[in-house]
Amino acid sequence: MFILRPGDILTELTDSSPIKTESSFVCRNLGHVLQTGIVFDFRLHMLVNVVIMKIIETKRNLMMNPSRGLYLEERRQQVLRRLKEAGRVSVVELSQEFGVSEVTVRNDLQALADHKLIIRTHGGAILARTGLAELALANRRQQQVEEKNRIGEACVNLVANGDAIILDSSSTALAIAHQLKNHRHLTIVSNSVAVAQEMRDAPGVNVVLTGGRMRPETASLVGSTEFAMLRNFNIQKGFFGAHGITIEDGLTDVNTDEAEVKGWLASMCRQIVAVLDSTKWGQVGVVSFVATSQLSTVISDFRAPVDLVAQLRALETEVILV
């Protein structure tokens, strides 16, 4: 026989806030036992011991992994911290880290999105600052730096000495330009002043700018319709960054002037290569400039959504993940 006094388990259950779910579980199962204290048999004694061991195990797990057992608001603040560090989070990863269901994570992300703090993507989220607001080139160059460098290295393998290619005004194109400085007899057509400046000390590279007015925030040339002389160029490949990519909308941008120039440059290319990090997947800008069916290759990092990658490959678009 075992005697349980009133409050014995309640004290154990409520001294740490993350254990409240365990407390409610015990109360539901033991009912009036916790309120009055009674004499009960060995089987009920064993039930209480199991519950207490579960509580001790939960506390030990919380000490080993502070991310588990967080209050709702604490968990959502942790999500924002992860986004600031990585630029992107996934539902599956957060579910495993916090020890909660994927449904709970989706609810957290939706709540943050409702407050305009994040933007939902397929299977995860990105910070709202990478949304429809256009970032200056200097800021974009500081985001996903490692991913862009790997993408740039992969693009080098697609370019041969003697080629004529197009690089747009994206920060990823600038990373590609840096990797191409040792090429010989290479011609780059671009609307990016930053790309031209990057190649100024590359003796084997000839840069042709499109002309037009310069947008200071992006160091890009837009607004010109005097592209007639460029029609005679035999462009093997064009490398284009984008605000976002979806199956339905293709490559999109948030600025109509930029999209107009990109679309015109893309029309000159035998092969169109999209170069974008995984934060761009599932995003849609206000203007489409290349349809999905026009893409020859997409180069991205290995965090790109698996299902969207599979859909592109099903359309016979080559997808390279680095």
Protein backbone atom coordinates (compact mmCIF):
# COMPACT_ATOMS: atom_id res chain seq x y z
CA MET A 1 0.00 0.00 0.00
CA PHE A 2 1.14 3.55 -0.75
CA ILE A 3 -0.21 6.83 0.61
CA LEU A 4 -0.16 9.97 -1.59
CA ARG A 5 -0.54 13.25 0.29
CA PRO A 6 -2.26 16.26 -1.28
CA GLY A 7 0.22 18.42 -3.23
CA ASP A 8 3.02 15.85 -3.44
CA ILE A 9 2.89 15.56 -7.24
CA LEU A 10 1.64 19.08 -7.84
CA THR A 11 4.81 20.53 -6.35
CA GLU A 12 6.93 18.35 -8.57
CA LEU A 13 4.89 19.23 -11.64
CA THR A 14 4.66 22.99 -11.40
CA ASP A 15 8.14 24.08 -10.35
CA SER A 16 9.19 24.44 -14.01
CA SER A 17 6.91 26.07 -16.57
CA PRO A 18 7.73 23.85 -19.58
CA ILE A 19 6.40 20.82 -17.66
CA LYS A 20 2.85 22.14 -17.47
CA THR A 21 1.72 19.75 -20.16
CA GLU A 22 2.90 16.86 -17.99
CA SER A 23 1.04 18.39 -15.03
CA SER A 24 -2.23 18.50 -16.92
CA PHE A 25 -1.68 14.92 -18.07
CA VAL A 26 -1.26 13.70 -14.49
CA CYS A 27 -4.27 15.66 -13.28
CA ARG A 28 -6.46 14.16 -15.97
CA ASN A 29 -5.36 10.62 -15.16
CA LEU A 30 -5.24 10.76 -11.37
CA GLY A 31 -8.18 13.12 -10.92
CA HIS A 32 -9.29 13.44 -7.33
CA VAL A 33 -6.18 11.64 -6.08
CA LEU A 34 -4.23 14.89 -6.40
CA GLN A 35 -6.91 16.86 -4.60
CA THR A 36 -7.71 14.66 -1.58
CA GLY A 37 -5.02 12.07 -1.10
CA ILE A 38 -6.13 8.46 -0.79
CA VAL A 39 -4.75 5.01 -0.18
CA PHE A 40 -4.36 3.06 -3.41
CA ASP A 41 -2.95 -0.25 -4.55
CA PHE A 42 0.35 -1.19 -6.12
CA ARG A 43 -0.84 -0.74 -9.74
CA LEU A 44 -1.70 2.90 -9.18
CA HIS A 45 1.56 3.30 -7.31
CA MET A 46 3.40 2.11 -10.43
CA LEU A 47 1.42 4.53 -12.61
CA VAL A 48 2.50 7.45 -10.45
CA ASN A 49 6.13 6.29 -10.58
CA VAL A 50 5.99 6.11 -14.39
CA VAL A 51 4.63 9.64 -14.58
CA ILE A 52 7.27 10.97 -12.20
CA MET A 53 10.04 9.29 -14.21
CA LYS A 54 8.60 10.90 -17.35
CA ILE A 55 8.78 14.29 -15.66
CA ILE A 56 12.38 13.75 -14.61
CA GLU A 57 13.29 12.63 -18.14
CA THR A 58 11.61 15.70 -19.63
CA LYS A 59 13.48 18.02 -17.28
CA ARG A 60 16.76 16.32 -18.15
CA ASN A 61 16.04 16.77 -21.89
CA LEU A 62 15.26 20.43 -21.32
CA MET A 63 18.61 20.94 -19.61
CA MET A 64 20.41 19.24 -22.51
CA ASN A 65 18.43 21.08 -25.22
CA PRO A 66 17.09 24.48 -24.07
CA SER A 67 15.20 24.90 -27.36
CA ARG A 68 12.73 22.23 -26.27
CA GLY A 69 9.93 23.13 -23.91
CA LEU A 70 9.88 26.82 -24.76
CA TYR A 71 6.83 28.96 -24.29
CA LEU A 72 5.03 29.84 -27.51
CA GLU A 73 6.43 33.38 -27.71
CA GLU A 74 9.92 32.20 -26.77
CA ARG A 75 9.80 29.62 -29.54
CA ARG A 76 8.76 32.21 -32.11
CA GLN A 77 11.56 34.53 -31.04
CA GLN A 78 13.93 31.61 -31.49
CA VAL A 79 12.58 31.13 -35.03
CA LEU A 80 13.38 34.77 -35.82
CA ARG A 81 16.91 34.34 -34.45
CA ARG A 82 17.41 31.29 -36.67
CA LEU A 83 16.22 33.28 -39.69
CA LYS A 84 18.63 36.12 -38.98
CA GLU A 85 21.49 33.62 -38.75
CA ALA A 86 20.66 31.39 -41.73
CA GLY A 87 18.36 33.49 -43.90
CA ARG A 88 15.92 30.59 -44.25
CA VAL A 89 14.28 27.94 -42.04
CA SER A 90 12.35 24.79 -42.84
CA VAL A 91 9.33 23.33 -41.08
CA VAL A 92 10.99 19.92 -40.71
CA GLU A 93 14.16 21.31 -39.13
CA LEU A 94 12.27 23.51 -36.66
CA SER A 95 9.98 20.64 -35.70
CA GLN A 96 12.98 18.47 -34.84
CA GLU A 97 14.81 21.25 -33.02
CA PHE A 98 11.92 22.35 -30.82
CA GLY A 99 10.41 18.92 -30.29
CA VAL A 100 6.97 19.98 -31.54
CA SER A 101 4.78 18.86 -34.43
CA GLU A 102 5.09 20.27 -37.93
CA VAL A 103 1.54 21.61 -37.56
CA THR A 104 2.68 23.65 -34.55
CA VAL A 105 5.64 25.01 -36.50
CA ARG A 106 3.40 25.99 -39.42
CA ASN A 107 1.11 27.83 -37.01
CA ASP A 108 4.13 29.66 -35.57
CA LEU A 109 5.33 30.66 -39.03
CA GLN A 110 1.87 31.82 -40.07
CA ALA A 111 1.58 33.97 -36.95
CA LEU A 112 4.95 35.59 -37.68
CA ALA A 113 3.93 36.10 -41.31
CA ASP A 114 0.66 37.75 -40.20
CA HIS A 115 2.78 40.29 -38.30
CA LYS A 116 4.88 40.93 -41.44
CA LEU A 117 8.02 39.60 -39.73
CA ILE A 118 8.63 36.75 -42.15
CA ILE A 119 7.53 35.53 -45.57
CA ARG A 120 6.24 31.99 -45.94
CA THR A 121 7.95 29.85 -48.57
CA HIS A 122 7.36 26.30 -49.71
CA GLY A 123 8.19 24.20 -46.64
CA GLY A 124 9.57 27.04 -44.56
CA ALA A 125 10.10 30.79 -44.36
CA ILE A 126 12.51 33.67 -44.97
CA LEU A 127 12.81 37.05 -43.27
CA ALA A 128 10.45 39.73 -44.52
CA ARG A 129 13.39 41.95 -45.41
CA THR A 130 14.08 39.63 -48.35
CA GLY A 131 10.56 40.07 -49.64
CA LEU A 132 9.16 42.44 -52.26
CA ALA A 133 11.25 45.37 -51.11
CA GLU A 134 14.29 45.67 -53.38
CA LEU A 135 17.61 45.67 -51.56
CA ALA A 136 20.61 47.73 -52.59
CA LEU A 137 23.45 45.82 -54.24
CA ALA A 138 25.76 46.43 -51.26
CA ASN A 139 23.26 44.71 -48.97
CA ARG A 140 22.56 41.84 -51.35
CA ARG A 141 26.27 41.10 -51.65
CA GLN A 142 26.35 40.37 -47.90
CA GLN A 143 23.55 37.79 -48.01
CA GLN A 144 24.08 34.06 -48.61
CA VAL A 145 27.72 34.79 -49.48
CA GLU A 146 28.93 31.18 -49.29
CA GLU A 147 26.05 29.94 -51.43
CA LYS A 148 26.67 32.57 -54.10
CA ASN A 149 30.38 31.77 -54.18
CA ARG A 150 29.64 28.07 -54.71
CA ILE A 151 27.15 28.93 -57.44
CA GLY A 152 29.79 31.13 -59.07
CA GLU A 153 32.30 28.29 -59.03
CA ALA A 154 29.76 25.95 -60.65
CA CYS A 155 29.07 28.47 -63.41
CA VAL A 156 32.75 28.64 -64.34
CA ASN A 157 32.52 25.01 -65.48
CA LEU A 158 29.87 26.01 -68.02
CA VAL A 159 31.97 28.75 -69.63
CA ALA A 160 34.80 28.07 -72.10
CA ASN A 161 37.54 30.39 -73.32
CA GLY A 162 36.29 32.26 -76.35
CA ASP A 163 32.62 32.24 -75.29
CA ALA A 164 30.30 35.23 -75.33
CA ILE A 165 27.97 35.26 -72.32
CA ILE A 166 25.54 37.54 -70.53
CA LEU A 167 25.71 38.45 -66.85
CA ASP A 168 22.83 40.47 -65.44
CA SER A 169 22.96 42.95 -62.56
CA SER A 170 22.27 40.45 -59.76
CA SER A 171 24.64 39.97 -56.83
CA THR A 172 25.03 36.32 -57.86
CA ALA A 173 26.18 37.43 -61.32
CA LEU A 174 28.81 39.54 -59.59
CA ALA A 175 30.03 36.43 -57.76
CA ILE A 176 30.22 34.65 -61.13
CA ALA A 177 32.23 37.50 -62.63
CA HIS A 178 34.80 37.20 -59.86
CA GLN A 179 35.31 33.52 -60.75
CA LEU A 180 35.75 34.27 -64.49
CA LYS A 181 38.65 36.70 -64.23
CA ASN A 182 41.21 34.14 -65.40
CA HIS A 183 39.36 33.23 -68.60
CA ARG A 184 40.79 34.20 -71.98
CA HIS A 185 39.08 35.68 -75.04
CA LEU A 186 35.83 35.89 -73.08
CA THR A 187 33.17 38.46 -73.96
CA ILE A 188 30.66 39.49 -71.29
CA VAL A 189 27.57 41.50 -72.20
CA SER A 190 26.05 43.04 -69.09
CA ASN A 191 23.85 45.82 -67.76
CA SER A 192 25.85 45.85 -64.53
CA VAL A 193 28.37 48.61 -63.84
CA ALA A 194 29.57 46.52 -60.89
CA VAL A 195 30.37 43.57 -63.18
CA ALA A 196 32.35 45.86 -65.50
CA GLN A 197 34.29 47.23 -62.54
CA GLU A 198 34.96 43.71 -61.23
CA MET A 199 36.51 42.74 -64.59
CA ARG A 200 38.63 45.87 -65.04
CA ASP A 201 41.84 43.99 -64.17
CA ALA A 202 40.99 40.85 -66.20
CA PRO A 203 43.03 41.29 -69.41
CA GLY A 204 41.48 38.33 -71.19
CA VAL A 205 37.90 39.53 -70.74
CA ASN A 206 36.06 42.03 -72.93
CA VAL A 207 33.03 43.68 -71.28
CA VAL A 208 30.24 45.26 -73.33
CA LEU A 209 27.72 47.37 -71.39
CA THR A 210 24.16 47.72 -72.63
CA GLY A 211 23.86 51.46 -72.03
CA GLY A 212 20.95 53.39 -70.57
CA ARG A 213 20.51 55.22 -67.30
CA MET A 214 22.14 53.91 -64.14
CA ARG A 215 20.19 52.96 -61.05
CA PRO A 216 22.56 53.92 -58.19
CA GLU A 217 21.05 51.49 -55.69
CA THR A 218 21.73 48.48 -57.93
CA ALA A 219 24.59 49.81 -60.11
CA SER A 220 22.59 48.59 -63.11
CA LEU A 221 21.78 50.14 -66.49
CA VAL A 222 18.11 50.25 -67.48
CA GLY A 223 15.76 52.10 -69.80
CA SER A 224 17.76 51.86 -73.03
CA THR A 225 16.19 50.53 -76.23
CA GLU A 226 19.37 50.96 -78.29
CA PHE A 227 20.29 47.27 -78.34
CA ALA A 228 20.47 46.85 -82.12
CA MET A 229 24.23 46.39 -82.24
CA LEU A 230 24.02 43.61 -79.65
CA ARG A 231 21.80 41.54 -81.95
CA ASN A 232 24.89 40.50 -83.88
CA PHE A 233 26.50 38.88 -80.85
CA ASN A 234 26.42 35.08 -80.72
CA ILE A 235 25.65 34.56 -77.03
CA GLN A 236 26.22 31.00 -75.84
CA LYS A 237 24.76 31.38 -72.35
CA GLY A 238 23.07 33.99 -70.19
CA PHE A 239 23.27 33.87 -66.39
CA PHE A 240 20.34 35.50 -64.62
CA GLY A 241 19.56 36.05 -60.97
CA ALA A 242 16.00 36.71 -59.84
CA HIS A 243 13.85 37.80 -56.95
CA GLY A 244 12.14 34.43 -57.14
CA ILE A 245 11.40 31.30 -59.11
CA THR A 246 8.21 29.23 -59.33
CA ILE A 247 6.99 26.64 -61.80
CA GLU A 248 4.02 28.79 -62.79
CA ASP A 249 5.73 32.20 -63.05
CA GLY A 250 9.30 31.33 -63.99
CA LEU A 251 11.92 33.94 -63.06
CA THR A 252 10.50 37.14 -61.60
CA ASP A 253 11.76 40.52 -60.44
CA VAL A 254 10.37 43.32 -58.28
CA ASN A 255 11.45 46.17 -60.57
CA THR A 256 9.82 46.57 -63.98
CA ASP A 257 12.84 48.33 -65.54
CA GLU A 258 15.18 45.54 -64.44
CA ALA A 259 12.77 42.87 -65.67
CA GLU A 260 12.49 44.55 -69.08
CA VAL A 261 16.26 44.56 -69.59
CA LYS A 262 16.65 41.00 -68.30
CA GLY A 263 13.92 39.76 -70.61
CA TRP A 264 15.52 41.41 -73.61
CA LEU A 265 18.98 40.03 -72.74
CA ALA A 266 17.52 36.55 -72.21
CA SER A 267 16.04 36.63 -75.72
CA MET A 268 19.60 36.85 -77.11
CA CYS A 269 20.80 33.64 -75.42
CA ARG A 270 21.02 30.14 -76.82
CA GLN A 271 20.87 28.81 -73.27
CA ILE A 272 19.39 30.55 -70.22
CA VAL A 273 20.88 29.67 -66.84
CA ALA A 274 19.11 30.75 -63.64
CA VAL A 275 21.48 31.38 -60.73
CA LEU A 276 19.81 31.81 -57.36
CA ASP A 277 20.21 30.66 -53.79
CA SER A 278 17.58 28.58 -52.01
CA THR A 279 15.85 31.58 -50.38
CA LYS A 280 14.48 32.54 -53.81
CA TRP A 281 12.53 29.32 -54.43
CA GLY A 282 8.78 29.78 -54.16
CA GLN A 283 9.06 33.58 -54.22
CA VAL A 284 7.18 35.67 -56.80
CA GLY A 285 8.07 39.20 -57.88
CA VAL A 286 5.72 41.58 -59.65
CA VAL A 287 7.10 40.94 -63.17
CA SER A 288 8.09 37.71 -64.97
CA PHE A 289 11.00 37.95 -67.40
CA VAL A 290 11.81 34.31 -68.25
CA ALA A 291 9.29 31.46 -68.44
CA THR A 292 10.13 28.13 -66.82
CA SER A 293 9.99 26.45 -70.24
CA GLN A 294 12.83 28.69 -71.46
CA LEU A 295 15.28 27.62 -68.76
CA SER A 296 18.10 25.30 -69.78
CA THR A 297 19.73 25.08 -66.35
CA VAL A 298 19.10 26.19 -62.78
CA ILE A 299 22.04 26.42 -60.38
CA SER A 300 21.26 26.74 -56.69
CA ASP A 301 22.47 25.56 -53.29
CA PHE A 302 21.59 22.21 -51.74
CA ARG A 303 18.87 23.70 -49.51
CA ALA A 304 16.58 24.20 -52.51
CA PRO A 305 13.12 22.60 -51.94
CA VAL A 306 13.23 18.97 -53.01
CA ASP A 307 9.74 18.90 -54.53
CA LEU A 308 10.23 22.05 -56.62
CA VAL A 309 13.58 20.74 -57.85
CA ALA A 310 11.87 17.49 -58.86
CA GLN A 311 9.17 19.41 -60.75
CA LEU A 312 11.78 21.35 -62.72
CA ARG A 313 13.70 18.19 -63.57
CA ALA A 314 10.44 16.60 -64.73
CA LEU A 315 10.23 19.47 -67.23
CA GLU A 316 13.70 18.41 -68.49
CA THR A 317 15.40 21.44 -66.93
CA GLU A 318 18.86 20.65 -65.62
CA VAL A 319 19.17 21.50 -61.92
CA ILE A 320 22.62 21.72 -60.34
CA LEU A 321 22.80 21.95 -56.54
CA VAL A 322 26.06 22.99 -54.90
